[in-house]
Amino acid sequence: MFYFLLFCIFDNEKLSQRTLEDTFSSNGFKALFGLGEDEKVRRSYISERLSKIDLNFFKEIYEQMYGRFSEQYSKSEIEKYNLIRVDSTIVADTCTKFKEGIDQKSGKNSWNLVF
């Protein structure tokens, strides 16, 4: 499921149950993951499966990937490429604040900030 979701994120601009189903049905996905052409998945199954995944599953994947990344690159290399570890909650909160502060029709900021 992780590889499926990761592939879908890279393959689609926007994710929905329909795009997930379409991606699973694509020849490229099936060839990459060694699935038969007759293999299918329904949106309802994807929805059900996603609703039952323990969120700690994704947390553990992240922790493992970050650990491996940290082992492969020195602190100076990480800083050189300006790679930082952030909490998605902070990112979402910041985006919400920007959205509130920028007029969605005109694009002007209501805080009179200079960018």
Protein backbone atom coordinates (compact mmCIF):
# COMPACT_ATOMS: atom_id res chain seq x y z
CA MET A 1 0.00 0.00 0.00
CA PHE A 2 2.88 2.36 0.78
CA TYR A 3 4.48 1.88 -2.64
CA PHE A 4 1.09 2.24 -4.30
CA LEU A 5 0.41 5.55 -2.55
CA LEU A 6 3.93 6.83 -3.19
CA PHE A 7 3.64 5.97 -6.89
CA CYS A 8 0.26 7.73 -7.04
CA ILE A 9 1.66 10.87 -5.42
CA PHE A 10 4.40 11.07 -8.06
CA ASP A 11 2.10 10.10 -10.94
CA ASN A 12 -0.87 12.38 -10.24
CA GLU A 13 -1.28 16.09 -9.71
CA LYS A 14 -4.30 15.58 -7.47
CA LEU A 15 -5.23 12.45 -5.57
CA SER A 16 -8.70 11.06 -5.30
CA GLN A 17 -10.14 7.58 -5.06
CA ARG A 18 -10.76 7.73 -8.80
CA THR A 19 -7.15 8.65 -9.62
CA LEU A 20 -5.94 5.92 -7.27
CA GLU A 21 -8.12 3.39 -9.08
CA ASP A 22 -7.01 4.65 -12.50
CA THR A 23 -3.36 4.52 -11.51
CA PHE A 24 -3.70 0.95 -10.26
CA SER A 25 -5.31 0.02 -13.58
CA SER A 26 -2.57 1.64 -15.65
CA ASN A 27 -0.18 -0.54 -17.61
CA GLY A 28 2.81 1.37 -16.23
CA PHE A 29 1.92 0.64 -12.61
CA LYS A 30 1.17 -3.00 -13.34
CA ALA A 31 4.44 -3.47 -15.24
CA LEU A 32 6.50 -1.74 -12.55
CA PHE A 33 5.07 -3.85 -9.75
CA GLY A 34 4.73 -7.11 -11.67
CA LEU A 35 0.94 -7.26 -11.64
CA GLY A 36 -1.10 -9.11 -14.21
CA GLU A 37 -3.15 -7.15 -16.71
CA ASP A 38 -6.34 -8.68 -15.32
CA GLU A 39 -5.72 -7.43 -11.76
CA LYS A 40 -8.19 -4.76 -10.69
CA VAL A 41 -9.11 -2.77 -7.63
CA ARG A 42 -12.28 -0.85 -6.86
CA ARG A 43 -12.46 2.59 -5.30
CA SER A 44 -14.52 1.18 -2.45
CA TYR A 45 -11.73 -1.27 -1.59
CA ILE A 46 -9.12 1.49 -1.67
CA SER A 47 -11.29 3.63 0.59
CA GLU A 48 -11.86 0.78 3.02
CA ARG A 49 -8.17 -0.13 3.10
CA LEU A 50 -7.08 3.46 3.68
CA SER A 51 -9.58 3.88 6.51
CA LYS A 52 -8.12 0.87 8.33
CA ILE A 53 -4.41 1.65 8.02
CA ASP A 54 -2.80 2.38 11.36
CA LEU A 55 -1.22 5.84 11.06
CA ASN A 56 1.78 4.58 13.00
CA PHE A 57 2.59 2.55 9.88
CA PHE A 58 3.40 5.77 8.02
CA LYS A 59 5.19 7.24 11.02
CA GLU A 60 7.46 4.19 11.21
CA ILE A 61 8.19 4.38 7.46
CA TYR A 62 9.11 8.03 7.84
CA GLU A 63 11.35 7.33 10.83
CA GLN A 64 13.11 4.50 8.98
CA MET A 65 13.66 6.61 5.87
CA TYR A 66 14.89 9.57 7.87
CA GLY A 67 17.27 7.31 9.81
CA ARG A 68 18.74 5.89 6.62
CA PHE A 69 19.02 9.34 5.10
CA SER A 70 20.83 10.64 8.19
CA GLU A 71 23.29 7.74 8.01
CA GLN A 72 24.07 8.41 4.33
CA TYR A 73 24.67 12.17 4.51
CA SER A 74 26.74 14.26 6.88
CA LYS A 75 25.24 17.23 8.68
CA SER A 76 27.15 19.63 6.38
CA GLU A 77 25.81 17.85 3.25
CA ILE A 78 22.27 18.08 4.61
CA GLU A 79 22.76 21.80 5.31
CA LYS A 80 24.35 22.34 1.88
CA TYR A 81 21.16 21.21 0.18
CA ASN A 82 19.00 23.04 2.73
CA LEU A 83 17.21 19.84 3.69
CA ILE A 84 15.31 20.13 6.92
CA ARG A 85 12.98 17.89 8.87
CA VAL A 86 9.64 19.52 9.63
CA ASP A 87 6.42 18.44 11.20
CA SER A 88 3.55 18.38 8.69
CA THR A 89 1.32 20.05 11.27
CA ILE A 90 3.53 23.14 11.16
CA VAL A 91 3.39 23.19 7.36
CA ALA A 92 -0.41 22.82 7.32
CA ASP A 93 -0.84 25.51 9.97
CA THR A 94 1.40 27.94 8.07
CA CYS A 95 -0.47 27.29 4.82
CA THR A 96 -3.78 27.94 6.54
CA LYS A 97 -2.50 31.23 7.93
CA PHE A 98 -1.24 32.31 4.51
CA LYS A 99 -4.54 31.35 2.94
CA GLU A 100 -6.41 33.43 5.54
CA GLY A 101 -4.09 36.40 4.97
CA ILE A 102 -4.19 36.39 1.17
CA ASP A 103 -7.33 37.43 -0.67
CA GLN A 104 -8.19 34.39 -2.79
CA LYS A 105 -9.63 36.48 -5.64
CA SER A 106 -7.07 39.25 -5.99
CA GLY A 107 -4.04 37.49 -4.57
CA LYS A 108 -3.25 40.54 -2.41
CA ASN A 109 -2.22 39.97 1.16
CA SER A 110 -4.42 41.53 3.81
CA TRP A 111 -1.51 41.92 6.22
CA ASN A 112 0.26 44.50 4.02
CA LEU A 113 3.37 42.37 4.12
CA VAL A 114 6.17 42.78 1.60
CA PHE A 115 7.45 39.53 0.11
